Amino acid sequence: MALDKQDINNLISEMKQVFSTKNDVRESEARILNAVSDEFVKHRKAMRVNYVTYEDMEKMIEQ
């Protein structure tokens, strides 16, 4: 099967479309992962603070 210039141009434009879509997906995944990890860090910090205040409360009760 011989490819003429139009077939080649069509293939190239399809490939460009696929790659740009892949990049968009990668960017979206990166944004989602960053948001999730930020929330996780906030949650961990909040838990740590709550844990410390809970320990402090125990110490205050013991005194």
Protein backbone atom coordinates (compact mmCIF):
# COMPACT_ATOMS: atom_id res chain seq x y z
CA MET A 1 0.00 0.00 0.00
CA ALA A 2 1.53 3.26 -1.10
CA LEU A 3 0.98 6.36 0.98
CA ASP A 4 0.49 9.61 -0.83
CA LYS A 5 1.29 13.03 0.59
CA GLN A 6 -2.28 13.51 1.89
CA ASP A 7 -2.21 10.19 3.78
CA ILE A 8 1.11 11.14 5.38
CA ASN A 9 -0.21 14.58 6.37
CA ASN A 10 -3.33 12.98 7.87
CA LEU A 11 -1.21 10.55 9.88
CA ILE A 12 1.03 13.36 11.11
CA SER A 13 -1.94 15.47 12.23
CA GLU A 14 -3.51 12.44 13.98
CA MET A 15 -0.23 11.75 15.78
CA LYS A 16 0.05 15.40 16.85
CA GLN A 17 -3.49 15.21 18.22
CA VAL A 18 -2.71 12.02 20.15
CA PHE A 19 0.47 13.47 21.63
CA SER A 20 -1.15 16.75 22.64
CA THR A 21 -3.99 14.79 24.29
CA LYS A 22 -1.43 12.65 26.13
CA ASN A 23 0.32 15.80 27.37
CA ASP A 24 -2.98 17.26 28.56
CA VAL A 25 -3.70 14.04 30.44
CA ARG A 26 -0.23 14.06 32.00
CA GLU A 27 -0.66 17.69 33.09
CA SER A 28 -4.06 16.89 34.58
CA GLU A 29 -2.65 13.87 36.41
CA ALA A 30 0.21 16.00 37.75
CA ARG A 31 -2.22 18.68 38.94
CA ILE A 32 -4.42 16.08 40.64
CA LEU A 33 -1.45 14.38 42.31
CA ASN A 34 -0.11 17.71 43.56
CA ALA A 35 -3.49 18.68 44.97
CA VAL A 36 -3.90 15.30 46.66
CA SER A 37 -0.40 15.39 48.15
CA ASP A 38 -0.96 18.97 49.40
CA GLU A 39 -4.17 17.88 51.11
CA PHE A 40 -2.41 14.84 52.56
CA VAL A 41 0.37 17.03 53.99
CA LYS A 42 -2.20 19.42 55.51
CA HIS A 43 -4.07 16.48 57.00
CA ARG A 44 -0.87 14.99 58.44
CA LYS A 45 0.10 18.35 59.95
CA ALA A 46 -3.36 18.72 61.46
CA MET A 47 -3.17 15.19 62.89
CA ARG A 48 0.28 15.89 64.31
CA VAL A 49 -0.96 19.08 65.96
CA ASN A 50 -4.00 17.28 67.36
CA TYR A 51 -1.76 14.50 68.62
CA VAL A 52 0.55 16.97 70.36
CA THR A 53 -2.33 18.87 71.93
CA TYR A 54 -3.83 15.58 73.07
CA GLU A 55 -0.50 14.64 74.69
CA ASP A 56 -0.27 18.08 76.29
CA MET A 57 -3.77 17.66 77.68
CA GLU A 58 -2.77 14.32 79.20
CA LYS A 59 0.27 15.95 80.83
CA MET A 60 -1.89 18.75 82.21
CA ILE A 61 -4.34 16.21 83.65
CA GLU A 62 -1.49 14.25 85.28
CA GLN A 63 -0.15 17.38 87.02
